[in-house]
C-alpha atoms as a PDB file:
ATOM      1  CA  MET A   1     132.296  69.409  97.767  1.00  0.00           C
ATOM      2  CA  LEU A   2     135.556  71.402  97.568  1.00  0.00           C
ATOM      3  CA  THR A   3     134.234  73.415  94.643  1.00  0.00           C
ATOM      4  CA  ILE A   4     131.163  74.701  96.486  1.00  0.00           C
ATOM      5  CA  GLY A   5     132.971  77.629  98.090  1.00  0.00           C
ATOM      6  CA  ARG A   6     134.645  78.587  94.811  1.00  0.00           C
ATOM      7  CA  LEU A   7     131.377  78.531  92.881  1.00  0.00           C
ATOM      8  CA  TRP A   8     129.679  80.695  95.475  1.00  0.00           C
ATOM      9  CA  GLY A   9     132.607  83.111  95.471  1.00  0.00           C
ATOM     10  CA  GLN A  10     132.329  83.569  91.708  1.00  0.00           C
ATOM     11  CA  ARG A  11     128.571  84.048  91.983  1.00  0.00           C
ATOM     12  CA  SER A  12     129.022  86.681  94.711  1.00  0.00           C
ATOM     13  CA  LYS A  13     131.348  88.708  92.508  1.00  0.00           C
ATOM     14  CA  LEU A  14     128.789  88.743  89.715  1.00  0.00           C
ATOM     15  CA  LEU A  15     126.091  89.944  92.117  1.00  0.00           C
ATOM     16  CA  ARG A  16     128.172  92.573  93.917  1.00  0.00           C
ATOM     17  CA  ARG A  17     127.132  95.386  91.596  1.00  0.00           C
ATOM     18  CA  ARG A  18     123.486  94.383  91.862  1.00  0.00           C
ATOM     19  CA  ILE A  19     123.747  94.431  95.634  1.00  0.00           C
ATOM     20  CA  SER A  20     125.158  97.948  95.539  1.00  0.00           C
ATOM     21  CA  LEU A  21     122.033  98.984  93.618  1.00  0.00           C
ATOM     22  CA  SER A  22     119.669  97.609  96.259  1.00  0.00           C
ATOM     23  CA  HIS A  23     117.081  99.634  98.135  1.00  0.00           C
ATOM     24  CA  GLY A  24     119.739 102.036  99.352  1.00  0.00           C
ATOM     25  CA  GLY A  25     119.826 103.704  95.945  1.00  0.00           C
ATOM     26  CA  ASP A  26     116.202 104.779  96.076  1.00  0.00           C
ATOM     27  CA  PRO A  27     115.411 107.843  98.217  1.00  0.00           C
ATOM     28  CA  VAL A  28     111.893 106.522  98.787  1.00  0.00           C
ATOM     29  CA  ALA A  29     113.083 103.187 100.159  1.00  0.00           C
ATOM     30  CA  GLY A  30     113.085 103.211 103.922  1.00  0.00           C
ATOM     31  CA  MET A  31     110.688 106.161 104.039  1.00  0.00           C
ATOM     32  CA  GLY A  32     109.280 106.439 107.530  1.00  0.00           C
ATOM     33  CA  LEU A  33     105.697 107.101 108.488  1.00  0.00           C
ATOM     34  CA  THR A  34     106.273 110.863 108.780  1.00  0.00           C
ATOM     35  CA  GLY A  35     107.913 111.054 105.364  1.00  0.00           C
ATOM     36  CA  LEU A  36     105.139 108.999 103.823  1.00  0.00           C
ATOM     37  CA  TRP A  37     102.453 111.309 105.161  1.00  0.00           C
ATOM     38  CA  PHE A  38     104.392 114.349 103.977  1.00  0.00           C
ATOM     39  CA  PHE A  39     104.738 112.876 100.492  1.00  0.00           C
ATOM     40  CA  LEU A  40     101.043 111.954 100.468  1.00  0.00           C
ATOM     41  CA  THR A  41     100.124 115.504 101.475  1.00  0.00           C
ATOM     42  CA  LEU A  42     102.152 116.859  98.571  1.00  0.00           C
ATOM     43  CA  VAL A  43     100.342 114.495  96.184  1.00  0.00           C
ATOM     44  CA  ILE A  44      96.908 115.655  97.414  1.00  0.00           C
ATOM     45  CA  ALA A  45      97.879 119.336  97.317  1.00  0.00           C
ATOM     46  CA  GLY A  46      99.334 118.963  93.835  1.00  0.00           C
ATOM     47  CA  SER A  47      96.183 117.189  92.641  1.00  0.00           C
ATOM     48  CA  ILE A  48      93.946 119.985  93.922  1.00  0.00           C
ATOM     49  CA  LEU A  49      96.108 122.660  92.300  1.00  0.00           C
ATOM     50  CA  LEU A  50      96.089 120.737  89.019  1.00  0.00           C
ATOM     51  CA  ALA A  51      92.298 120.462  89.053  1.00  0.00           C
ATOM     52  CA  LEU A  52      91.845 124.171  89.787  1.00  0.00           C
ATOM     53  CA  ALA A  53      94.358 125.106  87.099  1.00  0.00           C
ATOM     54  CA  ALA A  54      92.512 122.935  84.560  1.00  0.00           C
ATOM     55  CA  ILE A  55      89.180 124.585  85.408  1.00  0.00           C
ATOM     56  CA  ARG A  56      90.724 128.040  85.210  1.00  0.00           C
ATOM     57  CA  LEU A  57      92.321 127.274  81.861  1.00  0.00           C
ATOM     58  CA  GLY A  58      89.065 125.823  80.559  1.00  0.00           C
ATOM     59  CA  ASP A  59      87.144 128.952  81.600  1.00  0.00           C
ATOM     60  CA  ARG A  60      89.584 131.265  79.862  1.00  0.00           C
ATOM     61  CA  ILE A  61      89.941 129.320  76.624  1.00  0.00           C
ATOM     62  CA  GLY A  62      86.443 127.876  76.285  1.00  0.00           C
ATOM     63  CA  ARG A  63      84.426 130.779  77.732  1.00  0.00           C
ATOM     64  CA  PRO A  64      82.635 131.640  74.452  1.00  0.00           C
ATOM     65  CA  THR A  65      81.260 128.120  74.190  1.00  0.00           C
ATOM     66  CA  HIS A  66      78.635 127.658  76.856  1.00  0.00           C
ATOM     67  CA  GLY A  67      76.016 125.698  74.966  1.00  0.00           C
ATOM     68  CA  SER A  68      75.001 122.148  75.763  1.00  0.00           C
ATOM     69  CA  GLY A  69      76.575 121.043  72.488  1.00  0.00           C
ATOM     70  CA  HIS A  70      79.972 121.814  73.916  1.00  0.00           C
ATOM     71  CA  ASN A  71      79.570 119.189  76.652  1.00  0.00           C
ATOM     72  CA  GLU A  72      78.081 116.667  74.223  1.00  0.00           C
ATOM     73  CA  VAL A  73      81.090 116.885  71.911  1.00  0.00           C
ATOM     74  CA  LEU A  74      83.520 116.776  74.813  1.00  0.00           C
ATOM     75  CA  ALA A  75      81.734 113.864  76.483  1.00  0.00           C
ATOM     76  CA  SER A  76      82.756 111.397  73.759  1.00  0.00           C
ATOM     77  CA  PHE A  77      86.429 112.341  74.119  1.00  0.00           C
ATOM     78  CA  LEU A  78      86.202 112.240  77.896  1.00  0.00           C
ATOM     79  CA  THR A  79      84.587 108.792  77.860  1.00  0.00           C
ATOM     80  CA  THR A  80      87.211 107.353  75.502  1.00  0.00           C
ATOM     81  CA  VAL A  81      90.123 108.764  77.468  1.00  0.00           C
ATOM     82  CA  SER A  82      88.587 107.594  80.752  1.00  0.00           C
ATOM     83  CA  LEU A  83      88.146 104.007  79.539  1.00  0.00           C
ATOM     84  CA  VAL A  84      91.644 103.717  78.074  1.00  0.00           C
ATOM     85  CA  TYR A  85      93.291 105.408  81.024  1.00  0.00           C
ATOM     86  CA  GLY A  86      91.281 103.370  83.539  1.00  0.00           C
ATOM     87  CA  ALA A  87      92.400 100.120  81.903  1.00  0.00           C
ATOM     88  CA  LEU A  88      96.033 101.239  81.922  1.00  0.00           C
ATOM     89  CA  LEU A  89      95.833 102.396  85.534  1.00  0.00           C
ATOM     90  CA  GLY A  90      94.166  99.179  86.669  1.00  0.00           C
ATOM     91  CA  PHE A  91      96.751  97.034  84.898  1.00  0.00           C
ATOM     92  CA  THR A  92      99.590  98.971  86.511  1.00  0.00           C
ATOM     93  CA  VAL A  93      98.071  98.659  89.986  1.00  0.00           C
ATOM     94  CA  VAL A  94      97.842  94.867  89.552  1.00  0.00           C
ATOM     95  CA  VAL A  95     101.469  94.637  88.391  1.00  0.00           C
ATOM     96  CA  ALA A  96     102.673  96.777  91.302  1.00  0.00           C
ATOM     97  CA  TRP A  97     100.645  94.764  93.811  1.00  0.00           C
ATOM     98  CA  GLU A  98     102.057  91.482  92.500  1.00  0.00           C
ATOM     99  CA  GLN A  99     105.560  92.921  92.818  1.00  0.00           C
ATOM    100  CA  PHE A 100     104.867  93.930  96.424  1.00  0.00           C
ATOM    101  CA  SER A 101     103.319  90.562  97.330  1.00  0.00           C
ATOM    102  CA  SER A 102     106.219  88.688  95.727  1.00  0.00           C
ATOM    103  CA  ALA A 103     108.790  90.723  97.665  1.00  0.00           C
ATOM    104  CA  GLU A 104     106.926  90.193 100.949  1.00  0.00           C
ATOM    105  CA  SER A 105     106.566  86.457 100.355  1.00  0.00           C
ATOM    106  CA  ASN A 106     110.235  86.115  99.445  1.00  0.00           C
ATOM    107  CA  VAL A 107     111.416  87.877 102.622  1.00  0.00           C
ATOM    108  CA  ASN A 108     109.179  85.628 104.735  1.00  0.00           C
ATOM    109  CA  GLY A 109     110.585  82.597 102.923  1.00  0.00           C
ATOM    110  CA  GLU A 110     114.172  83.757 103.449  1.00  0.00           C
ATOM    111  CA  ALA A 111     113.616  84.145 107.203  1.00  0.00           C
ATOM    112  CA  SER A 112     111.886  80.758 107.367  1.00  0.00           C
ATOM    113  CA  THR A 113     114.830  79.151 105.580  1.00  0.00           C
ATOM    114  CA  LEU A 114     117.168  80.600 108.208  1.00  0.00           C
ATOM    115  CA  VAL A 115     115.145  78.986 111.002  1.00  0.00           C
ATOM    116  CA  THR A 116     115.111  75.631 109.187  1.00  0.00           C
ATOM    117  CA  MET A 117     118.878  75.763 108.721  1.00  0.00           C
ATOM    118  CA  TYR A 118     119.374  76.623 112.375  1.00  0.00           C
ATOM    119  CA  ARG A 119     117.348  73.577 113.408  1.00  0.00           C
ATOM    120  CA  GLN A 120     119.345  71.357 111.051  1.00  0.00           C
ATOM    121  CA  THR A 121     122.587  72.265 112.819  1.00  0.00           C
ATOM    122  CA  VAL A 122     121.480  69.977 115.664  1.00  0.00           C
ATOM    123  CA  GLY A 123     122.774  67.016 113.621  1.00  0.00           C
ATOM    124  CA  MET A 124     126.221  68.559 113.014  1.00  0.00           C
ATOM    125  CA  PRO A 125     129.395  67.956 115.050  1.00  0.00           C
ATOM    126  CA  ALA A 126     129.814  70.346 117.965  1.00  0.00           C
ATOM    127  CA  ALA A 127     132.510  72.533 116.365  1.00  0.00           C
ATOM    128  CA  GLU A 128     130.655  72.852 113.054  1.00  0.00           C
ATOM    129  CA  ARG A 129     127.370  73.471 114.838  1.00  0.00           C
ATOM    130  CA  ALA A 130     128.784  76.348 116.869  1.00  0.00           C
ATOM    131  CA  GLU A 131     130.424  78.019 113.861  1.00  0.00           C
ATOM    132  CA  THR A 132     127.398  77.541 111.615  1.00  0.00           C
ATOM    133  CA  ARG A 133     125.030  78.979 114.201  1.00  0.00           C
ATOM    134  CA  ARG A 134     127.330  81.969 114.626  1.00  0.00           C
ATOM    135  CA  LEU A 135     127.216  82.572 110.880  1.00  0.00           C
ATOM    136  CA  LEU A 136     123.428  82.237 110.839  1.00  0.00           C
ATOM    137  CA  HIS A 137     123.171  84.815 113.631  1.00  0.00           C
ATOM    138  CA  THR A 138     125.482  87.108 111.668  1.00  0.00           C
ATOM    139  CA  TYR A 139     123.398  86.699 108.520  1.00  0.00           C
ATOM    140  CA  ALA A 140     120.119  87.424 110.321  1.00  0.00           C
ATOM    141  CA  ALA A 141     121.572  90.567 111.913  1.00  0.00           C
ATOM    142  CA  ALA A 142     123.077  91.700 108.607  1.00  0.00           C
ATOM    143  CA  ALA A 143     119.782  91.138 106.774  1.00  0.00           C
ATOM    144  CA  GLN A 144     118.044  93.464 109.239  1.00  0.00           C
ATOM    145  CA  ASP A 145     120.770  96.096 108.910  1.00  0.00           C
ATOM    146  CA  GLU A 146     120.362  96.108 105.128  1.00  0.00           C
ATOM    147  CA  TRP A 147     117.191  98.150 105.652  1.00  0.00           C
ATOM    148  CA  ASP A 148     119.306 100.894 107.285  1.00  0.00           C
ATOM    149  CA  PRO A 149     120.991 103.159 104.681  1.00  0.00           C
ATOM    150  CA  GLN A 150     123.801 104.001 107.107  1.00  0.00           C
ATOM    151  CA  SER A 151     124.955 100.408 107.606  1.00  0.00           C
ATOM    152  CA  ARG A 152     123.725  98.758 104.413  1.00  0.00           C
ATOM    153  CA  GLU A 153     127.082  98.316 102.681  1.00  0.00           C
ATOM    154  CA  LYS A 154     128.751  96.659 105.677  1.00  0.00           C
ATOM    155  CA  ALA A 155     125.663  94.524 106.302  1.00  0.00           C
ATOM    156  CA  SER A 156     125.686  93.271 102.705  1.00  0.00           C
ATOM    157  CA  ASN A 157     129.337  92.294 103.053  1.00  0.00           C
ATOM    158  CA  ASP A 158     128.610  90.464 106.325  1.00  0.00           C
ATOM    159  CA  ALA A 159     125.695  88.578 104.760  1.00  0.00           C
ATOM    160  CA  ARG A 160     127.770  87.488 101.777  1.00  0.00           C
ATOM    161  CA  SER A 161     130.637  86.439 104.051  1.00  0.00           C
ATOM    162  CA  SER A 162     128.244  84.376 106.185  1.00  0.00           C
ATOM    163  CA  ILE A 163     126.918  82.451 103.191  1.00  0.00           C
ATOM    164  CA  THR A 164     130.430  81.902 101.862  1.00  0.00           C
ATOM    165  CA  GLY A 165     131.543  80.701 105.311  1.00  0.00           C
ATOM    166  CA  MET A 166     128.757  78.127 105.477  1.00  0.00           C
ATOM    167  CA  TYR A 167     129.652  76.839 102.013  1.00  0.00           C
ATOM    168  CA  ARG A 168     133.256  76.468 103.165  1.00  0.00           C
ATOM    169  CA  ILE A 169     132.180  74.532 106.242  1.00  0.00           C
ATOM    170  CA  LEU A 170     130.328  72.056 104.046  1.00  0.00           C
ATOM    171  CA  ALA A 171     133.232  71.864 101.601  1.00  0.00           C
ATOM    172  CA  ALA A 172     135.672  71.038 104.418  1.00  0.00           C
ATOM    173  CA  GLN A 173     133.598  68.158 105.798  1.00  0.00           C
ATOM    174  CA  ALA A 174     135.093  64.710 105.872  1.00  0.00           C
ATOM    175  CA  PRO A 175     133.546  62.161 103.474  1.00  0.00           C
ATOM    176  CA  ILE A 176     131.689  60.445 106.326  1.00  0.00           C
ATOM    177  CA  GLU A 177     130.193  63.736 107.525  1.00  0.00           C
ATOM    178  CA  ALA A 178     129.364  64.820 103.967  1.00  0.00           C
ATOM    179  CA  ALA A 179     127.388  61.602 103.487  1.00  0.00           C
ATOM    180  CA  ASN A 180     125.160  62.541 106.423  1.00  0.00           C
ATOM    181  CA  PRO A 181     121.624  63.327 105.166  1.00  0.00           C
ATOM    182  CA  ILE A 182     121.630  66.459 107.342  1.00  0.00           C
ATOM    183  CA  SER A 183     124.562  67.851 105.343  1.00  0.00           C
ATOM    184  CA  GLY A 184     122.704  67.305 102.073  1.00  0.00           C
ATOM    185  CA  GLN A 185     119.553  68.952 103.417  1.00  0.00           C
ATOM    186  CA  PHE A 186     121.562  71.843 104.833  1.00  0.00           C
ATOM    187  CA  LEU A 187     123.242  72.383 101.466  1.00  0.00           C
ATOM    188  CA  SER A 188     119.837  72.437  99.789  1.00  0.00           C
ATOM    189  CA  GLU A 189     118.546  75.030 102.269  1.00  0.00           C
ATOM    190  CA  LEU A 190     121.728  77.085 101.885  1.00  0.00           C
ATOM    191  CA  SER A 191     121.259  77.169  98.120  1.00  0.00           C
ATOM    192  CA  ALA A 192     117.642  78.249  98.641  1.00  0.00           C
ATOM    193  CA  LEU A 193     118.788  80.965 101.052  1.00  0.00           C
ATOM    194  CA  SER A 194     121.290  82.414  98.591  1.00  0.00           C
ATOM    195  CA  SER A 195     118.657  82.348  95.843  1.00  0.00           C
ATOM    196  CA  GLN A 196     116.099  84.095  98.059  1.00  0.00           C
ATOM    197  CA  ARG A 197     118.672  86.738  98.962  1.00  0.00           C
ATOM    198  CA  ASP A 198     119.392  87.352  95.276  1.00  0.00           C
ATOM    199  CA  THR A 199     115.658  87.703  94.624  1.00  0.00           C
ATOM    200  CA  ARG A 200     115.287  90.165  97.507  1.00  0.00           C
ATOM    201  CA  ILE A 201     118.074  92.292  96.069  1.00  0.00           C
ATOM    202  CA  LEU A 202     116.443  92.311  92.637  1.00  0.00           C
ATOM    203  CA  ASP A 203     113.038  93.128  94.175  1.00  0.00           C
ATOM    204  CA  THR A 204     114.446  96.390  95.547  1.00  0.00           C
ATOM    205  CA  ARG A 205     114.678  97.780  92.031  1.00  0.00           C
ATOM    206  CA  PRO A 206     111.472  99.357  90.635  1.00  0.00           C
ATOM    207  CA  ARG A 207     109.759  97.232  87.982  1.00  0.00           C
ATOM    208  CA  ILE A 208     107.416  99.842  86.482  1.00  0.00           C
ATOM    209  CA  PRO A 209     109.299 101.220  83.438  1.00  0.00           C
ATOM    210  CA  GLY A 210     109.703 104.930  82.834  1.00  0.00           C
ATOM    211  CA  LEU A 211     107.722 104.737  79.597  1.00  0.00           C
ATOM    212  CA  LEU A 212     104.699 103.411  81.479  1.00  0.00           C
ATOM    213  CA  TRP A 213     105.038 106.189  84.060  1.00  0.00           C
ATOM    214  CA  THR A 214     105.107 108.699  81.217  1.00  0.00           C
ATOM    215  CA  GLY A 215     101.856 107.270  79.881  1.00  0.00           C
ATOM    216  CA  LEU A 216     100.223 107.354  83.311  1.00  0.00           C
ATOM    217  CA  ILE A 217     101.188 110.960  84.009  1.00  0.00           C
ATOM    218  CA  PHE A 218     100.343 112.199  80.521  1.00  0.00           C
ATOM    219  CA  GLY A 219      97.015 110.363  80.500  1.00  0.00           C
ATOM    220  CA  GLY A 220      96.124 111.766  83.915  1.00  0.00           C
ATOM    221  CA  VAL A 221      96.903 115.317  82.819  1.00  0.00           C
ATOM    222  CA  VAL A 222      94.799 114.902  79.655  1.00  0.00           C
ATOM    223  CA  LEU A 223      91.889 113.487  81.645  1.00  0.00           C
ATOM    224  CA  VAL A 224      91.988 116.341  84.174  1.00  0.00           C
ATOM    225  CA  ALA A 225      92.262 118.896  81.365  1.00  0.00           C
ATOM    226  CA  LEU A 226      89.192 117.478  79.633  1.00  0.00           C
ATOM    227  CA  MET A 227      87.228 117.747  82.880  1.00  0.00           C
ATOM    228  CA  GLY A 228      88.393 121.346  83.199  1.00  0.00           C
ATOM    229  CA  PHE A 229      87.015 122.198  79.763  1.00  0.00           C
ATOM    230  CA  THR A 230      83.616 120.731  80.624  1.00  0.00           C
ATOM    231  CA  ARG A 231      81.062 123.482  81.161  1.00  0.00           C
ATOM    232  CA  VAL A 232      79.184 123.383  84.476  1.00  0.00           C
ATOM    233  CA  ALA A 233      76.839 126.127  85.636  1.00  0.00           C
ATOM    234  CA  GLU A 234      77.982 126.013  89.256  1.00  0.00           C
ATOM    235  CA  TRP A 235      81.733 126.699  89.541  1.00  0.00           C
ATOM    236  CA  LYS A 236      82.011 125.328  93.068  1.00  0.00           C
ATOM    237  CA  GLY A 237      80.382 122.057  92.088  1.00  0.00           C
ATOM    238  CA  HIS A 238      82.698 121.778  89.107  1.00  0.00           C
ATOM    239  CA  ALA A 239      85.715 122.368  91.350  1.00  0.00           C
ATOM    240  CA  VAL A 240      84.590 119.759  93.888  1.00  0.00           C
ATOM    241  CA  VAL A 241      83.972 117.048  91.279  1.00  0.00           C
ATOM    242  CA  SER A 242      87.165 117.749  89.330  1.00  0.00           C
ATOM    243  CA  GLY A 243      89.182 117.992  92.537  1.00  0.00           C
ATOM    244  CA  ALA A 244      87.816 114.691  93.840  1.00  0.00           C
ATOM    245  CA  VAL A 245      88.614 112.851  90.602  1.00  0.00           C
ATOM    246  CA  THR A 246      92.090 114.400  90.418  1.00  0.00           C
ATOM    247  CA  ILE A 247      92.842 113.462  94.041  1.00  0.00           C
ATOM    248  CA  LEU A 248      91.715 109.889  93.303  1.00  0.00           C
ATOM    249  CA  LEU A 249      94.075 109.692  90.323  1.00  0.00           C
ATOM    250  CA  GLY A 250      96.902 111.158  92.398  1.00  0.00           C
ATOM    251  CA  LEU A 251      96.337 108.671  95.211  1.00  0.00           C
ATOM    252  CA  LEU A 252      96.291 105.725  92.804  1.00  0.00           C
ATOM    253  CA  MET A 253      99.558 106.824  91.202  1.00  0.00           C
ATOM    254  CA  PHE A 254     101.040 107.334  94.656  1.00  0.00           C
ATOM    255  CA  LEU A 255      99.914 103.799  95.549  1.00  0.00           C
ATOM    256  CA  ILE A 256     101.600 102.417  92.430  1.00  0.00           C
ATOM    257  CA  PHE A 257     104.771 104.362  93.204  1.00  0.00           C
ATOM    258  CA  TRP A 258     104.850 103.033  96.772  1.00  0.00           C
ATOM    259  CA  LEU A 259     104.030  99.412  95.862  1.00  0.00           C
ATOM    260  CA  ASP A 260     106.768  99.451  93.231  1.00  0.00           C
ATOM    261  CA  ARG A 261     109.253 100.291  96.017  1.00  0.00           C
ATOM    262  CA  PRO A 262     108.108  97.737  98.595  1.00  0.00           C
ATOM    263  CA  PHE A 263     110.897  97.871 101.164  1.00  0.00           C
ATOM    264  CA  GLY A 264     110.636 100.189 104.159  1.00  0.00           C
ATOM    265  CA  GLU A 265     111.734 100.318 107.785  1.00  0.00           C
ATOM    266  CA  GLU A 266     108.240 101.014 109.175  1.00  0.00           C
ATOM    267  CA  LEU A 267     105.852 100.397 106.275  1.00  0.00           C
ATOM    268  CA  GLY A 268     105.740  97.928 103.424  1.00  0.00           C
ATOM    269  CA  VAL A 269     108.128  94.966 103.516  1.00  0.00           C
ATOM    270  CA  THR A 270     110.009  95.356 106.799  1.00  0.00           C
ATOM    271  CA  PRO A 271     112.838  93.324 108.415  1.00  0.00           C
ATOM    272  CA  ALA A 272     110.379  91.975 111.010  1.00  0.00           C
ATOM    273  CA  PRO A 273     110.608  88.340 109.718  1.00  0.00           C
ATOM    274  CA  PHE A 274     114.349  88.322 110.434  1.00  0.00           C
ATOM    275  CA  LYS A 275     113.715  89.593 113.964  1.00  0.00           C
ATOM    276  CA  HIS A 276     111.308  86.708 114.466  1.00  0.00           C
ATOM    277  CA  ALA A 277     113.957  84.347 113.072  1.00  0.00           C
ATOM    278  CA  VAL A 278     116.450  85.513 115.721  1.00  0.00           C
ATOM    279  CA  GLN A 279     113.829  84.873 118.398  1.00  0.00           C
ATOM    280  CA  ALA A 280     113.394  81.360 116.990  1.00  0.00           C
ATOM    281  CA  PHE A 281     117.182  80.890 117.165  1.00  0.00           C
ATOM    282  CA  ASN A 282     117.137  81.740 120.851  1.00  0.00           C
ATOM    283  CA  SER A 283     114.309  79.296 121.517  1.00  0.00           C
ATOM    284  CA  ILE A 284     116.227  76.498 119.741  1.00  0.00           C
ATOM    285  CA  ASP A 285     119.365  77.226 121.756  1.00  0.00           C
END
């Protein structure tokens, strides 16, 4: 078991750059409730302005064409674009939701693994038990601090050091202690913990590619423009319908954008499971 600490040390070096690119690099990550509402307000306002601009442009360019044939020709294009864009939008929402659910499930699993490891320390010698529990407390506190942009770098270092320290404790065990089933189970849980941490770090990076975002934005603009060129006798009714559809598209894209960045201090995937893990630690003590 002497090589366990070395192997983990090499693995930590390979992941250090990925850790530095965690949710701290995204200005949306950690957005509070006030910031979220402000951003949502901008999306709604922008959608309304886009709808009104499309109607205005349609009136100026297509004013000579007021016959019913104009709408009939445009309807086929509008239907085709709507179907294709709806399929693309629905697919993206599903992908973003799966990403969010996976990140939430992984964080819950990571916190649960911490509690299991803390319970397993009951079978360790007194000195090892005290040191291992201290490292588990440090890891749980560091995991919570990783949501805070101000302390994220130090917290990441503390979390890595805690995992490395627990590997070293196992590597330094005497042969009789290493043969204890508790040590084998603890090693298995420790490996699961490090894997779950790696997954959490990777989940902080957006999964929706820029090319897909380009298609969503371009398709939305085309769809709104086609609605703007549709001729309706009542201008107010046209504005209400176009505005409602544009707001719906804006809200769906906002939802995708938010789900693709699941971690937040107040909303989304929060550090609450780690807080519950610390409470479980105290109850075990």
